[in-house]
Amino acid sequence: MQERLEYFLQMLTDPKRLKLRLFIEGNIIGIFTGLTIALFRYLLELSEENLPHLYQYLQAHPVYIPGWFAVLVVIGLILHRMLKADGMISGSGIPQIKGILMGRMDMQWARVLLLKFTGAVMGIGAGLSLGREGPSVQLGACLGQGVGRLTHRSYEENHYLLTAGAGAGLAAAFNAPLAGAIFCLEELTKNFSPYVLMGSIAATVTATTVTQFFFGMEPVFHMGEIPVVMAGNVYLVLILLGAFVGLLGLGFNKMLVISLDTYAKSPLKPWQKPLVPLFAAGVIGFFLPEILGGGSPLVDALVEHQYAIGFLLLLLAGKFFFTMLCFGSGVPGGIFLPMLVLGAVGGALFAQLAVAANLLAPQWTVNCIVFGMAAYFSAVVKSPVTGAILIMEMTGSFQHLLSLMLVSMTAFLVAEWAGSEPVYDMLLNRSLSLMDKARTYIKESRQNLL
């Protein structure tokens, strides 16, 4: 028995067996990532369910409102301490992963894993308009990097494992194994390598299997029965929808930069910056609770209720600017889910306008909501294949792949025509530019002292 085990271990160390080793390691990473993201999702969904009840209770018992804002202050101060301990936990986490794969950044995987998990649960749980997907990607990447470093893998193999973990994080967060693997290829590495594919497929499938054990096989969004329509019958309407939502997405990247720059140039001290979106969340919870948190319940509500155009515009503007206010502060949390929510609201708005103009039958409104999410994602991230497959898996609309691709590609072409940069590349380039400026400043300061 011992001889067989030694032979197996020796076989795995053979460079010719790299694909087999990546497959085995991908499964191990998928198990750990699935368990971690399952707990992460459970805590966030728990807060998502109870936060509206909290604000209803506070409205009925206003004497406790100061106590809630005191809790928000404590959360803000804790988040500041976490960001001070490790800046790699700031924001989404996806640009940081891309920076590591480029060899321009590095992270202490165990510390980032703990701080990112705790910080994202606290911030998003308090109502910040941020998503769980970016943190999930970074948490999975931490576990992938941890497996690689604990087993003393090569630099190249470490990158394969980190990428596999990142894909597993996305797959586990959204119950979307295929989208997780495509995300690794289309967005993270931009390279359809068989080595990346081998580890990513193993990790995403295993991670999704683990999370399905806890959450079941239902899609993340509960869209009900989605009518099936041949893309050829509504070809023009689908193109108009993609163009409409694509135009809505053009302002997302620009406002992200404005928000980040505004916080950077503001006279606020670092410990005060997390308090701004937290206090805003505390106020918004009494007037427009629909835009708090990631926004999954809002997508479900769009399907269940037919909101007036005026209220849809309010939701679109409120979610958009509150997301900017939250992300610009630098607290842990992603923009992936808020993007999808904005796309869903944009799709619902388009459906209302199209129905009023007799371009669309009312029963196709749910289709516009689903397709709008894919279109907004494609316009902002500029990864149309990932967007179409992700929404297909998240909504269970497997018969709409052709329509999803058509809408996604239209929105992507709108973003291309406008010269929009992919959001994660834009955020990465901004971070690298700031790092280079800081290094130059330090170097010049040292030279002046000498």
Protein backbone atom coordinates (compact mmCIF):
# COMPACT_ATOMS: atom_id res chain seq x y z
CA MET A 1 0.00 0.00 0.00
CA GLN A 2 2.79 2.39 0.95
CA GLU A 3 4.66 1.62 -2.28
CA ARG A 4 1.55 2.40 -4.34
CA LEU A 5 1.08 5.68 -2.52
CA GLU A 6 4.72 6.63 -3.09
CA TYR A 7 4.39 5.72 -6.78
CA PHE A 8 1.23 7.84 -7.08
CA LEU A 9 2.87 10.84 -5.41
CA GLN A 10 5.95 10.49 -7.57
CA MET A 11 3.76 10.28 -10.66
CA LEU A 12 2.03 13.54 -9.71
CA THR A 13 5.34 15.37 -9.45
CA ASP A 14 6.19 14.43 -13.03
CA PRO A 15 5.90 17.58 -15.21
CA LYS A 16 4.21 15.46 -17.85
CA ARG A 17 1.37 14.84 -15.39
CA LEU A 18 0.67 18.55 -14.80
CA LYS A 19 -2.88 18.39 -16.17
CA LEU A 20 -3.73 15.45 -13.91
CA ARG A 21 -2.22 17.25 -10.92
CA LEU A 22 -4.16 20.43 -11.73
CA PHE A 23 -7.35 18.40 -11.96
CA ILE A 24 -6.79 16.84 -8.52
CA GLU A 25 -5.71 20.12 -6.94
CA GLY A 26 -8.66 21.88 -8.59
CA ASN A 27 -11.04 19.49 -6.86
CA ILE A 28 -9.37 20.14 -3.50
CA ILE A 29 -9.59 23.89 -4.03
CA GLY A 30 -13.23 23.50 -5.09
CA ILE A 31 -14.12 21.72 -1.85
CA PHE A 32 -12.55 24.39 0.38
CA THR A 33 -13.92 27.22 -1.73
CA GLY A 34 -17.40 25.72 -1.80
CA LEU A 35 -17.49 25.42 2.00
CA THR A 36 -16.15 28.95 2.49
CA ILE A 37 -18.55 30.57 0.01
CA ALA A 38 -21.47 28.56 1.38
CA LEU A 39 -20.91 30.15 4.79
CA PHE A 40 -20.34 33.54 3.14
CA ARG A 41 -23.61 33.29 1.17
CA TYR A 42 -25.54 32.10 4.20
CA LEU A 43 -24.47 35.07 6.33
CA LEU A 44 -25.22 37.59 3.57
CA GLU A 45 -28.61 36.06 2.77
CA LEU A 46 -29.40 36.07 6.49
CA SER A 47 -28.71 39.80 6.67
CA GLU A 48 -30.62 40.36 3.40
CA GLU A 49 -33.70 38.74 4.90
CA ASN A 50 -33.54 40.47 8.28
CA LEU A 51 -32.43 44.00 7.34
CA PRO A 52 -35.92 45.06 6.10
CA HIS A 53 -37.42 43.77 9.34
CA LEU A 54 -34.86 45.77 11.30
CA TYR A 55 -35.87 49.02 9.59
CA GLN A 56 -39.55 48.24 10.09
CA TYR A 57 -38.86 47.73 13.78
CA LEU A 58 -36.88 50.98 13.98
CA GLN A 59 -39.72 52.88 12.30
CA ALA A 60 -42.11 51.51 14.91
CA HIS A 61 -39.64 52.16 17.77
CA PRO A 62 -37.63 55.29 16.80
CA VAL A 63 -36.01 55.42 20.23
CA TYR A 64 -33.60 52.70 19.03
CA ILE A 65 -32.50 54.56 15.88
CA PRO A 66 -29.47 56.22 17.57
CA GLY A 67 -28.39 52.78 18.75
CA TRP A 68 -28.42 51.46 15.15
CA PHE A 69 -26.33 54.38 13.94
CA ALA A 70 -23.90 53.71 16.79
CA VAL A 71 -23.59 50.13 15.48
CA LEU A 72 -22.88 51.54 12.01
CA VAL A 73 -20.10 53.71 13.46
CA VAL A 74 -18.52 50.66 15.08
CA ILE A 75 -18.74 48.73 11.80
CA GLY A 76 -17.12 51.65 9.96
CA LEU A 77 -14.24 51.85 12.42
CA ILE A 78 -13.65 48.09 12.22
CA LEU A 79 -13.64 48.25 8.42
CA HIS A 80 -11.08 51.07 8.57
CA ARG A 81 -8.82 48.99 10.82
CA MET A 82 -9.11 46.05 8.42
CA LEU A 83 -8.25 48.18 5.40
CA LYS A 84 -5.30 49.61 7.29
CA ALA A 85 -4.10 46.09 8.12
CA ASP A 86 -4.16 44.99 4.47
CA GLY A 87 -5.12 47.19 1.52
CA MET A 88 -5.56 44.14 -0.73
CA ILE A 89 -9.04 43.59 0.76
CA SER A 90 -10.31 46.90 -0.61
CA GLY A 91 -13.11 46.93 -3.16
CA SER A 92 -14.04 44.03 -5.40
CA GLY A 93 -10.85 41.98 -5.30
CA ILE A 94 -10.98 41.02 -8.98
CA PRO A 95 -8.54 43.77 -10.11
CA GLN A 96 -6.15 42.60 -7.38
CA ILE A 97 -6.30 39.04 -8.71
CA LYS A 98 -5.57 40.28 -12.23
CA GLY A 99 -2.64 42.27 -10.80
CA ILE A 100 -1.22 39.15 -9.14
CA LEU A 101 -1.53 37.18 -12.38
CA MET A 102 0.39 39.99 -14.13
CA GLY A 103 3.15 39.74 -11.52
CA ARG A 104 2.55 43.33 -10.36
CA MET A 105 0.88 42.54 -7.02
CA ASP A 106 0.99 39.94 -4.28
CA MET A 107 -1.09 39.07 -1.25
CA GLN A 108 -0.82 37.21 2.03
CA TRP A 109 -3.52 34.67 1.31
CA ALA A 110 -4.44 33.69 4.89
CA ARG A 111 -4.72 37.28 6.14
CA VAL A 112 -6.67 38.46 3.09
CA LEU A 113 -8.97 35.43 3.38
CA LEU A 114 -9.91 36.27 6.98
CA LEU A 115 -10.16 40.04 6.58
CA LYS A 116 -12.01 39.99 3.25
CA PHE A 117 -14.55 37.48 4.52
CA THR A 118 -15.25 39.40 7.73
CA GLY A 119 -15.16 42.85 6.14
CA ALA A 120 -17.51 41.97 3.28
CA VAL A 121 -20.02 40.31 5.62
CA MET A 122 -20.05 43.37 7.87
CA GLY A 123 -20.26 45.97 5.10
CA ILE A 124 -22.76 44.27 2.80
CA GLY A 125 -24.67 42.95 5.79
CA ALA A 126 -25.10 46.53 7.03
CA GLY A 127 -26.81 47.42 3.76
CA LEU A 128 -24.01 48.73 1.52
CA SER A 129 -24.83 48.41 -2.19
CA LEU A 130 -22.02 46.01 -2.96
CA GLY A 131 -21.95 42.44 -4.27
CA ARG A 132 -20.69 39.14 -2.95
CA GLU A 133 -19.14 37.96 -6.22
CA GLY A 134 -15.92 40.02 -6.14
CA PRO A 135 -15.14 38.98 -2.56
CA SER A 136 -16.08 35.40 -3.47
CA VAL A 137 -13.62 35.46 -6.38
CA GLN A 138 -10.87 36.79 -4.13
CA LEU A 139 -11.68 34.32 -1.34
CA GLY A 140 -11.43 31.45 -3.80
CA ALA A 141 -8.19 32.87 -5.19
CA CYS A 142 -6.79 33.02 -1.64
CA LEU A 143 -7.58 29.35 -1.13
CA GLY A 144 -6.06 28.47 -4.50
CA GLN A 145 -2.91 30.40 -3.68
CA GLY A 146 -2.83 28.78 -0.24
CA VAL A 147 -2.91 25.27 -1.71
CA GLY A 148 -0.12 26.19 -4.12
CA ARG A 149 2.13 27.73 -1.50
CA LEU A 150 1.56 25.09 1.16
CA THR A 151 2.50 22.38 -1.35
CA HIS A 152 5.45 24.44 -2.66
CA ARG A 153 4.28 24.57 -6.28
CA SER A 154 6.10 26.48 -8.98
CA TYR A 155 5.34 30.11 -9.79
CA GLU A 156 3.45 29.14 -12.93
CA GLU A 157 1.45 26.39 -11.26
CA ASN A 158 0.60 28.74 -8.40
CA HIS A 159 -1.02 31.03 -10.94
CA TYR A 160 -3.06 28.16 -12.37
CA LEU A 161 -4.29 27.26 -8.88
CA LEU A 162 -5.07 30.87 -7.98
CA THR A 163 -7.07 31.21 -11.21
CA ALA A 164 -8.94 27.98 -10.51
CA GLY A 165 -9.82 29.21 -7.03
CA ALA A 166 -11.07 32.53 -8.41
CA GLY A 167 -13.36 30.74 -10.87
CA ALA A 168 -14.58 28.44 -8.11
CA GLY A 169 -15.45 31.48 -6.00
CA LEU A 170 -17.62 32.96 -8.75
CA ALA A 171 -19.24 29.59 -9.49
CA ALA A 172 -20.08 28.99 -5.84
CA ALA A 173 -21.40 32.53 -5.34
CA PHE A 174 -23.86 32.30 -8.23
CA ASN A 175 -24.40 28.55 -8.70
CA ALA A 176 -22.82 28.95 -12.14
CA PRO A 177 -19.97 26.47 -12.79
CA LEU A 178 -19.71 27.05 -16.54
CA ALA A 179 -19.64 30.84 -16.14
CA GLY A 180 -16.96 30.47 -13.47
CA ALA A 181 -14.70 28.55 -15.86
CA ILE A 182 -15.36 30.92 -18.78
CA PHE A 183 -14.66 33.89 -16.48
CA CYS A 184 -11.18 32.48 -15.80
CA LEU A 185 -10.48 32.20 -19.53
CA GLU A 186 -12.19 35.31 -20.92
CA GLU A 187 -11.61 37.82 -18.12
CA LEU A 188 -8.81 36.78 -15.76
CA THR A 189 -6.20 35.25 -18.07
CA LYS A 190 -7.60 36.19 -21.51
CA ASN A 191 -5.95 32.97 -22.61
CA PHE A 192 -7.75 29.74 -23.50
CA SER A 193 -5.00 27.57 -22.04
CA PRO A 194 -5.77 23.85 -21.47
CA TYR A 195 -3.93 24.08 -18.13
CA VAL A 196 -6.13 26.96 -16.96
CA LEU A 197 -9.19 25.10 -18.22
CA MET A 198 -8.29 21.83 -16.48
CA GLY A 199 -7.91 23.35 -13.01
CA SER A 200 -10.80 25.79 -13.45
CA ILE A 201 -13.33 23.21 -14.60
CA ALA A 202 -12.45 20.88 -11.73
CA ALA A 203 -12.63 23.66 -9.15
CA THR A 204 -15.84 25.30 -10.42
CA VAL A 205 -17.80 22.06 -10.72
CA THR A 206 -16.70 20.83 -7.30
CA ALA A 207 -17.34 24.18 -5.60
CA THR A 208 -20.83 24.39 -7.12
CA THR A 209 -21.58 20.83 -6.05
CA VAL A 210 -20.64 21.71 -2.47
CA THR A 211 -22.80 24.86 -2.38
CA GLN A 212 -25.72 23.02 -3.97
CA PHE A 213 -25.60 20.62 -1.02
CA PHE A 214 -26.50 23.58 1.23
CA PHE A 215 -28.64 25.78 -1.06
CA GLY A 216 -30.14 23.30 -3.50
CA MET A 217 -30.10 23.42 -7.28
CA GLU A 218 -32.42 26.41 -7.74
CA PRO A 219 -31.05 29.39 -9.70
CA VAL A 220 -29.93 32.44 -7.73
CA PHE A 221 -32.70 34.59 -9.24
CA HIS A 222 -36.28 33.34 -9.01
CA MET A 223 -37.71 34.45 -12.34
CA GLY A 224 -40.57 31.97 -12.55
CA GLU A 225 -41.68 30.82 -16.00
CA ILE A 226 -39.72 32.70 -18.67
CA PRO A 227 -41.55 32.62 -22.05
CA VAL A 228 -39.54 31.16 -24.88
CA VAL A 229 -39.37 33.24 -28.02
CA MET A 230 -37.45 32.68 -31.24
CA ALA A 231 -34.78 35.35 -31.53
CA GLY A 232 -35.67 35.86 -35.19
CA ASN A 233 -39.22 36.99 -34.31
CA VAL A 234 -38.04 39.81 -32.04
CA TYR A 235 -34.61 40.39 -33.57
CA LEU A 236 -34.97 44.18 -33.82
CA VAL A 237 -36.38 44.50 -30.30
CA LEU A 238 -33.46 42.50 -28.87
CA ILE A 239 -30.98 44.78 -30.64
CA LEU A 240 -32.80 47.86 -29.32
CA LEU A 241 -32.74 46.38 -25.81
CA GLY A 242 -29.01 45.67 -26.02
CA ALA A 243 -28.31 49.18 -27.30
CA PHE A 244 -30.55 50.81 -24.66
CA VAL A 245 -29.01 48.95 -21.71
CA GLY A 246 -25.53 49.27 -23.24
CA LEU A 247 -25.93 53.06 -23.28
CA LEU A 248 -27.05 52.96 -19.64
CA GLY A 249 -23.88 51.04 -18.79
CA LEU A 250 -21.53 53.60 -20.35
CA GLY A 251 -21.75 55.89 -17.33
CA PHE A 252 -20.88 53.14 -14.84
CA ASN A 253 -17.11 53.10 -15.36
CA LYS A 254 -16.80 56.88 -15.53
CA MET A 255 -18.74 57.37 -12.31
CA LEU A 256 -16.63 54.74 -10.55
CA VAL A 257 -13.49 56.74 -11.32
CA ILE A 258 -15.18 60.00 -10.27
CA SER A 259 -16.28 58.40 -7.00
CA LEU A 260 -12.82 56.99 -6.24
CA ASP A 261 -11.13 60.30 -7.10
CA THR A 262 -13.63 62.29 -5.03
CA TYR A 263 -12.97 60.20 -1.95
CA ALA A 264 -9.20 60.41 -2.56
CA LYS A 265 -9.24 64.21 -2.84
CA SER A 266 -11.79 64.82 -0.08
CA PRO A 267 -10.72 66.27 3.28
CA LEU A 268 -12.15 63.19 4.99
CA LYS A 269 -9.75 61.24 7.17
CA PRO A 270 -9.32 57.54 6.31
CA TRP A 271 -11.40 56.38 9.26
CA GLN A 272 -14.27 58.64 8.20
CA LYS A 273 -14.60 57.33 4.63
CA PRO A 274 -16.38 54.02 5.47
CA LEU A 275 -18.81 55.97 7.65
CA VAL A 276 -20.16 57.97 4.67
CA PRO A 277 -21.85 55.04 2.84
CA LEU A 278 -22.81 53.38 6.13
CA PHE A 279 -24.64 56.49 7.34
CA ALA A 280 -26.22 56.83 3.89
CA ALA A 281 -27.42 53.21 4.15
CA GLY A 282 -28.87 54.00 7.57
CA VAL A 283 -30.95 56.83 6.11
CA ILE A 284 -31.89 55.07 2.84
CA GLY A 285 -33.19 52.08 4.78
CA PHE A 286 -36.15 54.19 5.94
CA PHE A 287 -37.06 55.63 2.53
CA LEU A 288 -35.88 53.28 -0.25
CA PRO A 289 -34.86 49.94 1.30
CA GLU A 290 -35.08 48.22 -2.10
CA ILE A 291 -31.62 49.50 -3.07
CA LEU A 292 -29.82 48.27 0.05
CA GLY A 293 -27.40 45.35 -0.14
CA GLY A 294 -26.44 43.43 -3.25
CA GLY A 295 -29.93 43.59 -4.70
CA SER A 296 -31.06 40.00 -5.39
CA PRO A 297 -34.52 40.60 -3.80
CA LEU A 298 -35.00 43.63 -6.05
CA VAL A 299 -34.51 41.51 -9.19
CA ASP A 300 -37.11 39.03 -7.92
CA ALA A 301 -39.47 41.92 -7.08
CA LEU A 302 -39.20 43.30 -10.63
CA VAL A 303 -40.62 40.02 -11.90
CA GLU A 304 -43.41 39.85 -9.31
CA HIS A 305 -44.56 43.48 -9.53
CA GLN A 306 -45.12 45.85 -12.41
CA TYR A 307 -43.63 49.11 -11.19
CA ALA A 308 -44.46 52.46 -12.75
CA ILE A 309 -41.87 54.06 -15.02
CA GLY A 310 -41.26 56.84 -12.50
CA PHE A 311 -40.47 54.37 -9.71
CA LEU A 312 -38.20 52.37 -12.02
CA LEU A 313 -36.26 55.56 -12.79
CA LEU A 314 -35.99 56.21 -9.05
CA LEU A 315 -34.68 52.68 -8.44
CA LEU A 316 -32.21 52.99 -11.31
CA ALA A 317 -30.83 56.33 -10.15
CA GLY A 318 -30.86 55.38 -6.47
CA LYS A 319 -29.08 52.05 -6.96
CA PHE A 320 -26.57 53.61 -9.35
CA PHE A 321 -25.47 56.50 -7.16
CA PHE A 322 -25.61 54.55 -3.91
CA THR A 323 -23.36 51.88 -5.46
CA MET A 324 -20.90 54.61 -6.47
CA LEU A 325 -20.98 56.07 -2.97
CA CYS A 326 -20.26 52.66 -1.44
CA PHE A 327 -17.55 51.46 -3.83
CA GLY A 328 -15.65 54.75 -3.85
CA SER A 329 -15.08 54.50 -0.09
CA GLY A 330 -12.86 51.44 -0.63
CA VAL A 331 -14.70 49.09 1.72
CA PRO A 332 -14.66 45.36 0.84
CA GLY A 333 -17.39 44.50 -1.64
CA GLY A 334 -17.95 43.91 -5.34
CA ILE A 335 -19.80 45.64 -8.16
CA PHE A 336 -20.79 42.46 -10.00
CA LEU A 337 -24.23 41.98 -8.44
CA PRO A 338 -25.14 45.71 -8.38
CA MET A 339 -24.30 45.75 -12.11
CA LEU A 340 -26.73 42.91 -12.74
CA VAL A 341 -29.42 44.64 -10.68
CA LEU A 342 -28.98 47.86 -12.65
CA GLY A 343 -29.26 45.84 -15.85
CA ALA A 344 -32.46 44.21 -14.59
CA VAL A 345 -34.00 47.60 -13.74
CA GLY A 346 -32.88 48.93 -17.12
CA GLY A 347 -34.47 45.93 -18.82
CA ALA A 348 -37.74 46.46 -16.92
CA LEU A 349 -37.69 50.14 -17.90
CA PHE A 350 -37.13 49.25 -21.57
CA ALA A 351 -40.01 46.75 -21.41
CA GLN A 352 -42.39 49.37 -20.05
CA LEU A 353 -41.42 51.82 -22.80
CA ALA A 354 -41.60 49.14 -25.51
CA VAL A 355 -45.03 47.96 -24.35
CA ALA A 356 -46.28 51.55 -24.33
CA ALA A 357 -44.98 51.96 -27.90
CA ASN A 358 -46.64 48.67 -29.00
CA LEU A 359 -43.25 47.17 -29.83
CA LEU A 360 -43.53 44.40 -27.27
CA ALA A 361 -46.26 42.27 -25.71
CA PRO A 362 -46.51 42.62 -21.88
CA GLN A 363 -45.69 38.93 -21.28
CA TRP A 364 -42.15 39.49 -22.56
CA THR A 365 -41.28 41.88 -19.69
CA VAL A 366 -39.52 39.13 -17.72
CA ASN A 367 -37.39 38.36 -20.77
CA CYS A 368 -36.25 41.99 -20.92
CA ILE A 369 -35.29 41.85 -17.24
CA VAL A 370 -33.19 38.73 -17.82
CA PHE A 371 -31.59 39.99 -21.03
CA GLY A 372 -30.98 43.42 -19.48
CA MET A 373 -28.69 41.89 -16.85
CA ALA A 374 -26.54 40.24 -19.51
CA ALA A 375 -26.42 43.43 -21.57
CA TYR A 376 -25.35 45.67 -18.68
CA PHE A 377 -22.66 43.20 -17.63
CA SER A 378 -21.33 43.00 -21.19
CA ALA A 379 -21.23 46.77 -21.57
CA VAL A 380 -19.37 47.33 -18.30
CA VAL A 381 -17.09 44.27 -18.06
CA LYS A 382 -16.86 43.73 -21.83
CA SER A 383 -16.98 39.95 -21.48
CA PRO A 384 -20.11 39.07 -23.48
CA VAL A 385 -19.68 35.30 -23.42
CA THR A 386 -19.27 35.21 -19.64
CA GLY A 387 -22.24 37.56 -19.26
CA ALA A 388 -24.58 35.49 -21.41
CA ILE A 389 -23.64 32.17 -19.81
CA LEU A 390 -23.71 33.63 -16.29
CA ILE A 391 -27.24 34.99 -16.66
CA MET A 392 -28.35 31.77 -18.32
CA GLU A 393 -27.18 29.78 -15.28
CA MET A 394 -28.34 32.33 -12.68
CA THR A 395 -31.88 32.45 -14.05
CA GLY A 396 -32.19 28.90 -15.36
CA SER A 397 -33.14 30.26 -18.80
CA PHE A 398 -31.19 27.69 -20.78
CA GLN A 399 -33.43 28.02 -23.84
CA HIS A 400 -32.53 31.68 -24.30
CA LEU A 401 -28.81 31.42 -25.02
CA LEU A 402 -29.14 32.77 -28.57
CA SER A 403 -31.14 35.81 -27.41
CA LEU A 404 -28.74 36.40 -24.52
CA MET A 405 -25.76 36.33 -26.87
CA LEU A 406 -27.46 38.70 -29.32
CA VAL A 407 -28.28 41.25 -26.60
CA SER A 408 -24.86 40.86 -24.96
CA MET A 409 -22.97 41.38 -28.20
CA THR A 410 -25.05 44.44 -29.05
CA ALA A 411 -24.29 46.01 -25.66
CA PHE A 412 -20.62 45.05 -26.05
CA LEU A 413 -20.47 46.76 -29.46
CA VAL A 414 -22.06 49.90 -27.98
CA ALA A 415 -19.32 49.97 -25.34
CA GLU A 416 -16.67 49.36 -28.02
CA TRP A 417 -18.06 52.16 -30.18
CA ALA A 418 -17.94 54.52 -27.20
CA GLY A 419 -14.33 53.52 -26.40
CA SER A 420 -15.24 52.27 -22.93
CA GLU A 421 -12.51 50.36 -21.08
CA PRO A 422 -13.38 47.07 -19.30
CA VAL A 423 -14.16 47.98 -15.71
CA TYR A 424 -11.74 45.58 -14.02
CA ASP A 425 -8.89 46.55 -16.35
CA MET A 426 -9.67 50.20 -15.64
CA LEU A 427 -9.60 49.66 -11.87
CA LEU A 428 -6.38 47.63 -12.12
CA ASN A 429 -4.64 50.28 -14.24
CA ARG A 430 -5.71 52.96 -11.78
CA SER A 431 -4.30 50.97 -8.83
CA LEU A 432 -1.03 50.27 -10.63
CA SER A 433 -0.69 53.95 -11.56
CA LEU A 434 -1.17 54.98 -7.93
CA MET A 435 1.39 52.37 -6.83
CA ASP A 436 3.94 53.67 -9.36
CA LYS A 437 3.37 57.26 -8.22
CA ALA A 438 3.82 56.24 -4.59
CA ARG A 439 7.09 54.42 -5.38
CA THR A 440 8.37 57.44 -7.32
CA TYR A 441 7.47 59.76 -4.46
CA ILE A 442 9.24 57.56 -1.91
CA LYS A 443 12.31 57.28 -4.14
CA GLU A 444 12.50 61.03 -4.65
CA SER A 445 12.01 61.68 -0.94
CA ARG A 446 14.91 59.38 -0.08
CA GLN A 447 17.14 61.07 -2.66
CA ASN A 448 16.30 64.49 -1.23
CA LEU A 449 17.19 63.32 2.28
CA LEU A 450 20.56 62.08 1.03
